Protein backbone atom coordinates (compact mmCIF):
# COMPACT_ATOMS: atom_id res chain seq x y z
CA MET A 1 -8.68 0.12 -25.63
CA SER A 2 -11.83 1.48 -27.37
CA THR A 3 -13.97 -0.78 -29.17
CA GLU A 4 -15.72 2.44 -30.51
CA THR A 5 -18.67 2.70 -28.09
CA ALA A 6 -18.17 0.80 -24.61
CA PRO A 7 -18.49 0.88 -21.08
CA SER A 8 -15.27 1.27 -19.07
CA ASP A 9 -16.57 -0.42 -15.82
CA GLY A 10 -16.94 -3.99 -17.45
CA THR A 11 -20.91 -4.06 -16.89
CA ALA A 12 -21.55 -4.76 -20.61
CA THR A 13 -23.99 -1.96 -20.57
CA THR A 14 -25.38 -1.57 -24.22
CA ALA A 15 -27.24 1.24 -25.87
CA PRO A 16 -27.11 1.45 -29.51
CA GLY A 17 -27.81 -1.24 -32.27
CA THR A 18 -27.43 -4.84 -31.18
CA GLY A 19 -24.91 -4.60 -28.38
CA GLU A 20 -23.26 -1.50 -29.13
CA PRO A 21 -22.13 0.22 -25.77
CA ALA A 22 -23.27 3.00 -24.11
CA ALA A 23 -20.54 5.64 -23.88
CA THR A 24 -19.00 6.09 -20.19
CA THR A 25 -16.06 7.84 -18.66
CA THR A 26 -14.81 7.91 -15.10
CA ALA A 27 -15.49 11.73 -14.49
CA PRO A 28 -18.25 13.77 -15.30
CA PRO A 29 -17.99 16.60 -17.91
CA THR A 30 -16.73 19.90 -16.40
CA ALA A 31 -19.25 22.08 -18.42
CA ALA A 32 -23.11 21.42 -18.32
CA PRO A 33 -24.40 20.69 -21.71
CA ALA A 34 -26.81 23.13 -23.44
CA THR A 35 -28.75 23.09 -26.19
CA ALA A 36 -28.75 26.34 -28.03
CA ALA A 37 -32.11 27.53 -29.49
CA PRO A 38 -31.91 28.23 -33.60
CA PRO A 39 -32.07 31.76 -34.63
CA THR A 40 -35.36 33.23 -35.61
CA THR A 41 -34.16 33.82 -39.22
CA ALA A 42 -32.43 31.12 -41.25
CA PRO A 43 -28.83 32.07 -42.31
CA ALA A 44 -27.88 32.17 -45.81
CA THR A 45 -25.91 28.76 -45.71
CA THR A 46 -26.09 25.79 -43.12
CA GLY A 47 -23.23 24.82 -41.09
CA LYS A 48 -20.61 21.59 -41.47
CA LEU A 49 -20.99 18.58 -39.91
CA TYR A 50 -18.00 16.51 -38.54
CA GLY A 51 -17.71 13.16 -37.70
CA VAL A 52 -14.59 13.03 -35.42
CA GLY A 53 -12.77 9.92 -34.65
CA LEU A 54 -10.77 10.41 -31.54
CA GLY A 55 -8.63 7.10 -31.36
CA PRO A 56 -8.73 4.15 -28.77
CA GLY A 57 -8.61 6.39 -25.60
CA ASP A 58 -5.29 8.16 -25.18
CA PRO A 59 -5.59 11.96 -26.05
CA ASP A 60 -2.29 11.73 -27.73
CA LEU A 61 -3.63 9.21 -30.23
CA MET A 62 -6.07 11.99 -31.45
CA THR A 63 -4.97 13.05 -35.26
CA VAL A 64 -4.11 16.61 -36.14
CA ALA A 65 -7.27 16.54 -38.35
CA ALA A 66 -9.45 15.69 -35.20
CA VAL A 67 -7.59 18.32 -33.22
CA LYS A 68 -8.38 20.94 -36.06
CA ALA A 69 -12.05 19.82 -36.31
CA ILE A 70 -12.84 20.44 -32.71
CA ALA A 71 -11.20 23.66 -32.86
CA ALA A 72 -13.51 24.88 -36.04
CA ALA A 73 -16.62 23.48 -34.35
CA ASP A 74 -19.21 25.88 -32.67
CA VAL A 75 -21.01 22.69 -31.35
CA VAL A 76 -19.59 19.75 -30.00
CA ALA A 77 -21.90 16.84 -29.58
CA TYR A 78 -20.89 13.29 -27.99
CA HIS A 79 -23.04 10.12 -26.89
CA SER A 80 -23.47 9.30 -23.18
CA ALA A 81 -25.17 6.86 -20.99
CA ARG A 82 -27.91 7.86 -18.74
CA HIS A 83 -25.16 8.59 -16.03
CA GLY A 84 -24.35 11.38 -18.17
CA ARG A 85 -20.61 10.46 -18.67
CA SER A 86 -18.97 10.08 -21.91
CA ILE A 87 -15.45 8.55 -22.74
CA ALA A 88 -15.53 10.26 -26.13
CA ARG A 89 -15.85 13.70 -24.21
CA SER A 90 -13.21 12.74 -21.56
CA ILE A 91 -10.66 11.71 -24.65
CA ALA A 92 -11.41 15.13 -26.17
CA ALA A 93 -11.65 17.43 -23.04
CA GLY A 94 -8.19 19.12 -23.53
CA GLN A 95 -9.46 20.54 -27.02
CA LEU A 96 -12.83 21.98 -25.68
CA ARG A 97 -13.55 25.64 -24.82
CA GLU A 98 -15.85 27.39 -22.71
CA ASP A 99 -17.52 29.10 -25.79
CA HIS A 100 -18.40 25.59 -27.21
CA ILE A 101 -22.02 24.59 -27.13
CA GLU A 102 -21.91 21.14 -26.06
CA GLU A 103 -24.82 18.67 -26.97
CA ARG A 104 -25.02 15.44 -24.58
CA LEU A 105 -26.99 12.94 -26.53
CA MET A 106 -28.16 10.51 -23.81
CA TYR A 107 -29.22 7.26 -24.66
CA PRO A 108 -32.96 6.70 -23.13
CA LEU A 109 -32.17 2.91 -22.29
CA THR A 110 -29.09 1.04 -21.43
CA VAL A 111 -30.61 -2.59 -21.24
CA GLU A 112 -32.77 -4.35 -23.79
CA THR A 113 -35.97 -4.25 -21.89
CA THR A 114 -38.43 -1.31 -22.59
CA ASP A 115 -42.18 -0.59 -22.81
CA HIS A 116 -41.67 1.37 -26.07
CA PRO A 117 -44.38 0.20 -28.57
CA GLY A 118 -41.47 -0.66 -31.16
CA GLY A 119 -39.25 -2.44 -28.55
CA TYR A 120 -35.63 -1.76 -28.03
CA ARG A 121 -34.85 -1.13 -31.63
CA GLY A 122 -37.86 1.31 -31.76
CA ALA A 123 -36.67 3.29 -28.71
CA LEU A 124 -33.11 3.68 -30.00
CA ASP A 125 -34.58 4.54 -33.62
CA ASP A 126 -36.75 7.33 -32.09
CA PHE A 127 -33.55 8.48 -29.76
CA TYR A 128 -31.40 8.73 -33.10
CA GLU A 129 -34.09 10.85 -34.80
CA GLU A 130 -34.30 13.14 -31.89
CA ALA A 131 -30.68 13.54 -31.55
CA ALA A 132 -30.27 14.24 -35.32
CA ASP A 133 -32.96 16.80 -35.03
CA ARG A 134 -31.03 18.59 -32.40
CA LEU A 135 -27.94 18.64 -34.49
CA ALA A 136 -29.87 19.60 -37.57
CA ALA A 137 -31.35 22.67 -35.71
CA HIS A 138 -27.49 23.82 -35.17
CA LEU A 139 -26.52 23.03 -38.71
CA ASP A 140 -29.49 24.76 -39.82
CA ALA A 141 -28.38 27.77 -38.06
CA GLY A 142 -25.24 27.99 -39.82
CA ARG A 143 -23.18 26.50 -36.91
CA THR A 144 -20.27 23.75 -37.33
CA VAL A 145 -21.26 20.51 -35.45
CA ALA A 146 -18.28 18.30 -34.35
CA VAL A 147 -19.74 14.66 -33.39
CA LEU A 148 -17.03 13.05 -31.09
CA ALA A 149 -16.57 9.20 -31.61
CA GLU A 150 -14.38 6.73 -29.61
CA GLY A 151 -11.83 4.82 -32.28
CA ASP A 152 -13.07 5.44 -35.78
CA PRO A 153 -16.47 7.01 -36.44
CA LEU A 154 -17.58 4.58 -39.08
CA PHE A 155 -16.42 1.47 -37.10
CA TYR A 156 -19.05 -0.05 -34.90
CA GLY A 157 -19.32 3.53 -33.79
CA SER A 158 -22.49 5.87 -32.47
CA TYR A 159 -21.69 8.54 -35.00
CA GLN A 160 -22.89 6.45 -37.77
CA HIS A 161 -26.28 6.77 -36.84
CA MET A 162 -26.17 10.53 -37.27
CA HIS A 163 -24.34 10.33 -40.27
CA LYS A 164 -27.09 8.20 -41.90
CA ARG A 165 -29.37 10.68 -41.14
CA LEU A 166 -27.63 13.88 -41.62
CA ALA A 167 -24.88 13.49 -44.13
CA HIS A 168 -26.92 13.77 -47.55
CA ARG A 169 -28.64 16.99 -46.11
CA TYR A 170 -25.52 18.82 -45.07
CA ASP A 171 -21.51 19.40 -45.89
CA THR A 172 -19.90 16.51 -44.02
CA GLU A 173 -16.54 15.34 -43.37
CA VAL A 174 -15.53 12.08 -41.61
CA ILE A 175 -12.25 12.31 -39.63
CA PRO A 176 -10.89 8.67 -39.29
CA GLY A 177 -9.54 7.54 -36.00
CA VAL A 178 -7.12 4.87 -34.72
CA THR A 179 -9.34 1.96 -34.39
CA SER A 180 -9.46 -0.35 -31.27
CA VAL A 181 -8.14 -3.22 -33.87
CA SER A 182 -4.84 -1.08 -34.34
CA ALA A 183 -4.65 -0.30 -30.80
CA ALA A 184 -4.78 -4.08 -29.84
CA ALA A 185 -2.34 -5.21 -32.18
CA ALA A 186 -0.02 -2.04 -31.16
CA ARG A 187 -0.02 -3.39 -27.57
CA LEU A 188 0.48 -7.14 -28.38
CA GLY A 189 3.57 -6.03 -30.58
CA GLU A 190 2.51 -8.71 -33.02
CA PRO A 191 1.48 -8.11 -36.69
CA LEU A 192 -2.27 -8.71 -37.66
CA CYS A 193 -1.72 -9.97 -41.08
CA GLU A 194 0.94 -10.26 -43.46
CA ALA A 195 1.22 -10.92 -47.31
CA GLU A 196 -2.08 -12.79 -48.41
CA GLU A 197 -3.47 -13.57 -44.97
CA VAL A 198 -6.79 -12.61 -44.47
CA LEU A 199 -7.88 -10.55 -41.47
CA THR A 200 -11.52 -11.03 -40.20
CA ILE A 201 -13.31 -8.79 -37.72
CA VAL A 202 -16.45 -10.03 -36.14
CA PRO A 203 -18.63 -9.09 -32.88
CA GLY A 204 -18.62 -11.50 -30.07
CA THR A 205 -22.37 -11.06 -30.30
CA LEU A 206 -22.96 -13.59 -33.26
CA PRO A 207 -24.15 -16.94 -32.60
CA GLU A 208 -21.60 -19.42 -31.48
CA ASP A 209 -22.08 -21.46 -34.58
CA GLU A 210 -21.45 -18.41 -36.88
CA LEU A 211 -18.34 -17.34 -34.65
CA THR A 212 -16.83 -20.81 -35.03
CA ALA A 213 -17.29 -20.91 -38.74
CA ARG A 214 -15.78 -17.54 -39.27
CA LEU A 215 -12.75 -17.98 -36.96
CA ALA A 216 -12.14 -21.47 -38.37
CA GLY A 217 -12.07 -20.15 -41.97
CA THR A 218 -9.73 -17.32 -41.59
CA ASP A 219 -5.95 -16.38 -40.83
CA SER A 220 -6.05 -13.66 -38.35
CA ALA A 221 -9.28 -12.15 -36.59
CA VAL A 222 -10.27 -9.79 -34.00
CA VAL A 223 -13.51 -10.43 -32.03
CA MET A 224 -14.80 -7.24 -30.86
CA LYS A 225 -17.73 -6.62 -28.07
CA LEU A 226 -16.50 -9.18 -25.44
CA GLY A 227 -17.85 -8.69 -21.97
CA ARG A 228 -20.79 -11.03 -21.20
CA THR A 229 -19.86 -12.63 -24.74
CA PHE A 230 -16.61 -13.84 -23.53
CA PRO A 231 -17.62 -17.77 -22.73
CA THR A 232 -19.14 -18.07 -26.21
CA VAL A 233 -16.24 -16.52 -27.99
CA ARG A 234 -13.81 -18.76 -25.96
CA ARG A 235 -16.02 -21.75 -26.90
CA ALA A 236 -16.03 -20.61 -30.39
CA LEU A 237 -12.24 -20.63 -30.82
CA GLU A 238 -11.80 -23.67 -29.08
CA ARG A 239 -13.91 -25.33 -31.57
CA ALA A 240 -12.34 -23.71 -34.49
CA GLY A 241 -9.22 -24.95 -33.24
CA ARG A 242 -7.65 -21.48 -32.61
CA LEU A 243 -7.71 -21.37 -28.84
CA ASP A 244 -4.06 -21.75 -28.29
CA ASP A 245 -3.46 -18.66 -30.70
CA ALA A 246 -5.96 -16.20 -29.20
CA ARG A 247 -4.61 -12.95 -27.27
CA TYR A 248 -6.81 -11.01 -25.20
CA VAL A 249 -6.45 -6.96 -25.01
CA GLU A 250 -8.12 -5.00 -22.53
CA ARG A 251 -8.45 -0.98 -22.39
CA ALA A 252 -5.77 -0.73 -24.78
CA PHE A 253 -4.17 2.79 -24.46
CA MET A 254 -6.40 3.63 -21.66
CA PRO A 255 -5.77 3.16 -17.76
CA GLY A 256 -6.10 -0.18 -16.43
CA GLU A 257 -5.04 -1.78 -19.64
CA ARG A 258 -4.22 -5.66 -19.92
CA THR A 259 -2.89 -8.14 -22.19
CA GLU A 260 -2.25 -11.82 -21.95
CA ARG A 261 -3.09 -15.12 -23.58
CA LEU A 262 -7.08 -15.65 -23.77
CA THR A 263 -6.61 -18.99 -22.11
CA ASP A 264 -5.31 -17.28 -18.99
CA VAL A 265 -8.36 -14.67 -18.67
CA ASP A 266 -11.13 -15.19 -15.92
CA PRO A 267 -14.60 -14.79 -17.56
CA GLU A 268 -15.72 -12.82 -14.63
CA THR A 269 -13.22 -9.98 -15.18
CA VAL A 270 -13.62 -9.36 -18.97
CA PRO A 271 -15.46 -5.91 -19.68
CA TYR A 272 -17.02 -4.75 -22.58
CA PHE A 273 -13.72 -2.63 -23.58
CA SER A 274 -11.75 -5.69 -24.56
CA VAL A 275 -11.20 -7.85 -27.79
CA ALA A 276 -9.59 -11.15 -28.62
CA VAL A 277 -7.06 -11.40 -31.43
CA LEU A 278 -5.70 -14.18 -33.52
CA PRO A 279 -2.42 -12.49 -34.76
CA SER A 280 -0.49 -13.16 -38.00
CA ARG A 281 0.93 -16.85 -38.11
CA ILE A 282 3.48 -16.33 -41.07
CA ASP A 283 6.39 -16.62 -38.94
CA GLU A 284 4.88 -19.44 -36.71
CA ALA A 285 6.54 -22.50 -36.23
CA PRO A 286 4.84 -25.67 -36.37
CA PRO A 287 4.22 -26.92 -33.00
CA VAL A 288 6.11 -29.82 -31.48
CA ARG A 289 3.48 -32.68 -30.83
CA GLU A 290 3.82 -36.11 -29.52
CA LYS A 291 1.02 -37.10 -31.81
CA GLY A 292 -0.54 -35.29 -34.82
CA GLU A 293 -3.80 -35.95 -36.73
CA VAL A 294 -4.95 -36.66 -40.09
CA VAL A 295 -8.11 -34.70 -41.19
CA VAL A 296 -9.45 -35.94 -44.42
CA VAL A 297 -11.06 -32.73 -46.11
CA GLY A 298 -13.69 -32.51 -48.92
CA THR A 299 -13.18 -29.62 -51.16
CA GLY A 300 -16.23 -29.81 -53.17
CA PRO A 301 -16.20 -30.27 -56.87
CA ALA A 302 -14.32 -27.38 -58.06
CA GLY A 303 -12.07 -25.48 -55.15
CA ALA A 304 -12.01 -22.39 -52.92
CA PRO A 305 -15.87 -21.37 -53.57
CA TRP A 306 -16.96 -24.83 -52.46
CA LEU A 307 -15.01 -25.04 -49.39
CA THR A 308 -16.99 -25.13 -46.19
CA PRO A 309 -15.99 -23.02 -43.26
CA GLU A 310 -14.84 -26.29 -41.28
CA SER A 311 -12.99 -27.74 -44.24
CA ARG A 312 -11.23 -24.24 -44.78
CA GLY A 313 -10.37 -24.12 -41.23
CA ALA A 314 -8.67 -27.57 -41.32
CA LEU A 315 -6.90 -26.84 -44.22
CA VAL A 316 -5.44 -23.44 -42.53
CA ASN A 317 -4.73 -25.14 -39.48
CA ALA A 318 -2.65 -28.11 -41.03
CA ASP A 319 1.10 -28.41 -41.10
CA VAL A 320 0.84 -30.53 -44.17
CA LEU A 321 -1.28 -30.63 -47.30
CA VAL A 322 -1.43 -34.09 -48.85
CA GLY A 323 -3.59 -35.12 -52.00
CA TYR A 324 -3.78 -36.07 -55.55
CA THR A 325 -1.93 -32.99 -57.18
CA THR A 326 -5.16 -31.91 -59.31
CA TYR A 327 -6.91 -31.60 -56.24
CA LEU A 328 -4.10 -29.98 -54.38
CA ASP A 329 -3.77 -27.30 -56.96
CA ARG A 330 -7.31 -26.17 -56.37
CA VAL A 331 -6.70 -25.30 -52.80
CA PRO A 332 -5.54 -21.74 -52.37
CA VAL A 333 -2.37 -20.67 -50.41
CA LEU A 334 -4.32 -20.62 -46.99
CA ARG A 335 -1.07 -20.25 -44.86
CA PRO A 336 2.37 -19.68 -45.89
CA GLY A 337 5.06 -22.07 -44.75
CA GLN A 338 2.44 -25.07 -45.12
CA ILE A 339 4.20 -28.28 -47.05
CA ARG A 340 2.37 -29.61 -49.80
CA HIS A 341 2.92 -33.34 -50.86
CA GLY A 342 0.99 -33.99 -54.42
CA SER A 343 0.85 -37.41 -56.05
CA ASP A 344 -0.71 -39.28 -58.81
CA ASN A 345 -4.32 -40.32 -58.63
CA LYS A 346 -3.64 -44.12 -58.53
CA ALA A 347 -1.57 -43.78 -55.50
CA GLU A 348 -4.34 -43.61 -52.78
CA SER A 349 -3.12 -46.43 -50.32
CA GLU A 350 0.40 -45.03 -50.55
CA ARG A 351 -0.71 -41.41 -49.95
CA ALA A 352 -2.80 -42.35 -46.99
CA GLU A 353 -0.28 -44.34 -45.36
CA PHE A 354 2.12 -41.04 -45.95
CA ALA A 355 -0.37 -39.05 -44.40
CA LEU A 356 -0.73 -41.19 -41.34
CA ASP A 357 3.07 -41.56 -40.90
CA LEU A 358 3.38 -37.77 -40.86
CA ALA A 359 0.68 -37.61 -38.23
CA ARG A 360 2.26 -40.19 -35.97
CA ARG A 361 5.27 -38.13 -35.95
CA GLY A 362 3.38 -35.17 -34.53
CA HIS A 363 2.14 -33.38 -37.72
CA ARG A 364 -1.32 -31.98 -38.25
CA VAL A 365 -2.09 -33.52 -41.65
CA ALA A 366 -5.01 -32.55 -44.25
CA VAL A 367 -5.84 -35.12 -46.87
CA VAL A 368 -7.43 -33.14 -49.72
CA SER A 369 -10.04 -34.98 -51.27
CA GLY A 370 -12.32 -33.64 -54.24
CA GLY A 371 -16.04 -33.43 -53.64
CA ASP A 372 -17.12 -35.50 -50.60
CA PRO A 373 -14.17 -37.77 -49.38
CA GLY A 374 -16.77 -40.54 -48.45
CA VAL A 375 -18.08 -40.72 -51.99
CA PHE A 376 -15.63 -42.58 -54.19
CA ALA A 377 -12.81 -40.67 -52.64
CA MET A 378 -10.02 -40.44 -49.92
CA ALA A 379 -11.98 -41.13 -46.79
CA THR A 380 -12.10 -44.99 -47.65
CA ALA A 381 -8.52 -45.27 -48.40
CA VAL A 382 -7.25 -43.43 -45.18
CA LEU A 383 -9.45 -45.21 -43.00
CA GLU A 384 -8.61 -48.83 -44.46
CA VAL A 385 -4.87 -48.01 -43.50
CA ALA A 386 -5.75 -46.35 -40.30
CA CYS A 387 -7.35 -49.56 -39.06
CA GLU A 388 -3.74 -51.33 -39.40
CA PRO A 389 -2.22 -51.84 -36.01
CA ALA A 390 0.75 -49.28 -36.86
CA TYR A 391 -1.67 -46.62 -37.03
CA ALA A 392 -4.62 -47.49 -34.63
CA ASP A 393 -3.80 -44.75 -32.22
CA VAL A 394 -3.62 -41.88 -34.80
CA PRO A 395 -6.44 -39.84 -34.70
CA VAL A 396 -8.51 -39.47 -37.94
CA ARG A 397 -11.30 -37.32 -38.87
CA VAL A 398 -13.56 -36.82 -42.09
CA LEU A 399 -15.07 -33.55 -42.98
CA PRO A 400 -17.91 -33.52 -45.70
CA GLY A 401 -17.86 -31.66 -48.90
CA VAL A 402 -19.89 -30.94 -51.57
CA THR A 403 -20.49 -33.87 -53.74
CA ALA A 404 -20.36 -33.99 -57.56
CA ALA A 405 -23.89 -35.13 -57.79
CA ASN A 406 -24.95 -32.77 -55.56
CA ALA A 407 -23.31 -30.04 -57.69
CA ALA A 408 -24.56 -31.36 -60.77
CA ALA A 409 -28.12 -32.00 -59.57
CA ALA A 410 -28.22 -28.26 -58.45
CA ALA A 411 -26.91 -26.93 -61.52
CA ALA A 412 -29.66 -28.71 -63.73
CA GLY A 413 -32.50 -28.10 -61.08
CA ALA A 414 -33.46 -31.01 -58.73
CA PRO A 415 -33.25 -34.42 -60.56
CA LEU A 416 -32.28 -36.08 -57.23
CA GLY A 417 -35.33 -35.15 -55.52
CA HIS A 418 -36.42 -38.56 -54.87
CA ASP A 419 -34.86 -41.87 -54.26
CA TYR A 420 -31.67 -42.17 -56.08
CA ALA A 421 -28.52 -44.50 -56.61
CA THR A 422 -24.86 -43.77 -56.99
CA VAL A 423 -22.59 -45.96 -59.10
CA SER A 424 -19.03 -45.43 -60.33
CA LEU A 425 -18.74 -46.86 -63.86
CA SER A 426 -14.82 -47.50 -63.10
CA ASP A 427 -14.01 -51.19 -63.78
CA ARG A 428 -10.56 -50.53 -62.47
CA LEU A 429 -11.25 -51.57 -58.82
CA LYS A 430 -14.35 -53.88 -59.59
CA PRO A 431 -15.24 -56.04 -62.70
CA TRP A 432 -18.01 -54.70 -65.24
CA GLU A 433 -20.33 -57.58 -64.55
CA VAL A 434 -20.89 -56.27 -61.03
CA ILE A 435 -21.51 -52.71 -62.14
CA ALA A 436 -23.84 -53.79 -64.78
CA SER A 437 -26.01 -56.13 -62.55
CA ARG A 438 -25.93 -52.79 -60.35
CA LEU A 439 -27.09 -50.74 -63.00
CA ARG A 440 -29.85 -53.14 -63.95
CA ALA A 441 -31.17 -53.38 -60.22
CA ALA A 442 -31.27 -49.55 -59.95
CA ALA A 443 -33.15 -49.19 -63.27
CA GLU A 444 -35.66 -52.10 -62.27
CA ALA A 445 -36.24 -50.22 -59.16
CA ASP A 446 -36.85 -47.05 -60.88
CA LEU A 447 -34.07 -45.02 -59.24
CA VAL A 448 -32.60 -42.14 -60.46
CA LEU A 449 -29.03 -42.90 -61.24
CA ALA A 450 -25.63 -40.61 -60.55
CA LEU A 451 -22.95 -42.07 -62.57
CA TYR A 452 -19.30 -41.16 -61.33
CA ASN A 453 -16.31 -41.82 -63.37
CA PRO A 454 -17.92 -42.54 -66.62
CA GLY A 455 -15.11 -42.36 -68.82
CA SER A 456 -11.19 -41.43 -69.35
CA LYS A 457 -8.58 -42.04 -72.07
CA SER A 458 -8.10 -45.65 -70.98
CA ARG A 459 -11.80 -46.35 -70.53
CA THR A 460 -14.09 -45.76 -73.67
CA HIS A 461 -16.65 -48.45 -73.67
CA GLN A 462 -18.40 -47.91 -70.27
CA VAL A 463 -20.90 -45.06 -71.10
CA ALA A 464 -22.23 -46.69 -74.35
CA ALA A 465 -22.68 -50.25 -72.72
CA ALA A 466 -24.52 -48.28 -69.65
CA ARG A 467 -26.79 -46.43 -72.10
CA ASP A 468 -27.59 -49.48 -73.96
CA LEU A 469 -28.57 -51.55 -70.84
CA LEU A 470 -30.65 -48.98 -69.38
CA LEU A 471 -32.54 -48.45 -72.93
CA GLU A 472 -33.76 -51.84 -72.20
CA LEU A 473 -35.50 -51.04 -69.09
CA ARG A 474 -36.18 -47.01 -69.31
CA SER A 475 -37.99 -44.91 -71.99
CA PRO A 476 -35.54 -43.53 -74.73
CA ASP A 477 -37.06 -40.02 -73.62
CA THR A 478 -35.58 -40.32 -70.26
CA PRO A 479 -33.83 -37.34 -69.31
CA VAL A 480 -30.00 -37.31 -68.85
CA VAL A 481 -28.14 -34.51 -67.28
CA VAL A 482 -24.75 -34.25 -68.87
CA ALA A 483 -22.49 -32.04 -66.24
CA ARG A 484 -19.19 -31.31 -66.99
CA ASP A 485 -16.67 -29.40 -64.77
CA VAL A 486 -19.39 -28.14 -62.39
CA GLY A 487 -18.27 -24.99 -60.56
CA GLY A 488 -14.98 -24.71 -62.61
CA PRO A 489 -14.26 -22.20 -65.55
CA GLU A 490 -15.45 -24.75 -68.29
CA GLN A 491 -18.87 -25.78 -66.60
CA SER A 492 -21.21 -27.25 -69.22
CA VAL A 493 -24.40 -28.68 -68.07
CA ARG A 494 -26.87 -30.06 -70.86
CA VAL A 495 -30.05 -31.90 -70.68
CA VAL A 496 -30.45 -34.63 -73.23
CA THR A 497 -32.24 -37.84 -73.57
CA LEU A 498 -31.13 -41.44 -72.82
CA LYS A 499 -31.52 -42.43 -76.64
CA THR A 500 -29.53 -39.33 -77.69
CA LEU A 501 -26.69 -39.54 -74.92
CA ASP A 502 -23.48 -39.15 -77.00
CA PRO A 503 -20.54 -41.42 -75.24
CA THR A 504 -17.83 -39.57 -77.16
CA GLU A 505 -18.95 -36.04 -75.37
CA VAL A 506 -18.34 -37.95 -71.97
CA ASP A 507 -14.94 -37.82 -70.08
CA MET A 508 -13.52 -38.35 -66.57
CA ARG A 509 -14.67 -34.46 -65.61
CA THR A 510 -18.09 -35.47 -66.58
CA LEU A 511 -21.17 -36.80 -64.32
CA LEU A 512 -24.17 -38.07 -65.59
CA LEU A 513 -27.62 -38.12 -63.93
CA ILE A 514 -30.14 -40.67 -65.42
CA GLY A 515 -33.64 -39.80 -64.66
CA SER A 516 -36.26 -42.25 -63.38
CA SER A 517 -39.92 -42.72 -65.01
CA GLN A 518 -40.90 -39.80 -62.91
CA THR A 519 -38.15 -37.09 -63.88
CA ARG A 520 -39.31 -34.24 -65.93
CA ALA A 521 -37.46 -31.90 -68.12
CA VAL A 522 -39.06 -28.57 -69.17
CA THR A 523 -37.69 -25.54 -71.05
CA ARG A 524 -38.62 -22.49 -69.48
CA GLY A 525 -39.13 -18.78 -70.82
CA ASP A 526 -35.36 -18.16 -70.66
CA GLY A 527 -34.67 -21.12 -73.01
CA ARG A 528 -33.08 -23.15 -70.10
CA THR A 529 -34.15 -26.56 -69.67
CA ILE A 530 -34.42 -27.66 -66.01
CA THR A 531 -34.89 -31.20 -64.73
CA TRP A 532 -36.62 -32.36 -61.54
CA THR A 533 -37.98 -35.51 -60.10
CA PRO A 534 -41.22 -35.05 -58.13
CA ARG A 535 -41.26 -36.04 -54.31
CA ARG A 536 -44.76 -37.72 -54.87
CA TYR A 537 -44.39 -40.97 -56.60
CA GLY A 538 -47.21 -41.23 -59.11
């Protein structure tokens, strides 16, 4: 199987870019490469450049277009490592003729150590420029040049470096090839993705945290460039909760190919010519577990764009989603076949018990919470029930989300830049006297206030009462951010003053940020009023 450019001996030898492999093969070319000198007089027209995709390794997987392009070429060019052998040439060997001029583009280094003044990247850039100049000489002489590329020419391939330097100067045609991704799926005999599933392709050379985030937040995935990155990739899959799903494919459609579960692979045996695959899960039956778990997931203030990769991964991996119907509706369909249980906003304890009971019976349950689950949301309700003896052994995790206060503050500037307090104006679970005493204490301490649940159809007096109380202790000109539906289609963020705050414009979807004595509101050149609270207290 080709990862488009990679060694066949498992040595993780690299050449182009960051981790791009040096092309190798098991047999040397049958004809010595030669560079033809350009003619002394330039032809009337220049030659044509072909980027020829050869597929993953089996010559039978070359396309008819690739064979025709090689047949039409005067010059056949291919990249190789310093030993001179080339996987690309070996794939196309049956199409080469004695009259073909061969250009072997040999990488000057195979490890990231060099005394070049520009370092590893500088040495490669010089090589690519020199190689492009060699091909340009043929093109200027009117010759047709075919640059061979394993897999697809523009997919993690070496040809792309020639393309970027030459395609704008010469008539160019790219012949696509079967990628190693398609070859791996074919050898596994499993669909990569179906319906609305998302396929993510990532190089194993990414940092482990980045790999984990991307693998957790996708349906299907292929990780390229294994070799020495395999231990990191395996850890990332495990952290993302996807290790048991992962498959391993080595040298697909090449001699010595191997497929197996990734958990069974010895890291010492992994060559560069291998990939990790997370196939489609549409038809996957929920696993039978003795015990499941509950993950309380913060979705942020407005749905999919605000999900963290970790939260998205938890939602993807869940068997069942449980939550307030309005919040559940914000979660996109991440995996077909998941069960959703929506309920009323006032049924928090019942919802928590239902989720824990499902987990006790072996289901992996995600309890969906708007904003951050630990801020006036579902985490407390779940943990309270989870501490009852019947559920004491059920694993429970809480994943943070972007809070409504933070989202509103960012939309308005930085009003929470100094100390602040967060208070819910809802008196459904605590008496108004307690709320009033806390508002007064925060105002006397000169804290910025983030006021949640300010009003609803059944609660209409709280905003006015809070405003009047604060006016006793704060300047009437104190900036107030009125933020509604932040991140949603009806987002509205306005800056008013405490004395002009109109309670009739505030509803349950609104969050209020009341400034301190230090908070500033300034209208800038674009007409937008921004607020911030200095970090230095005057």
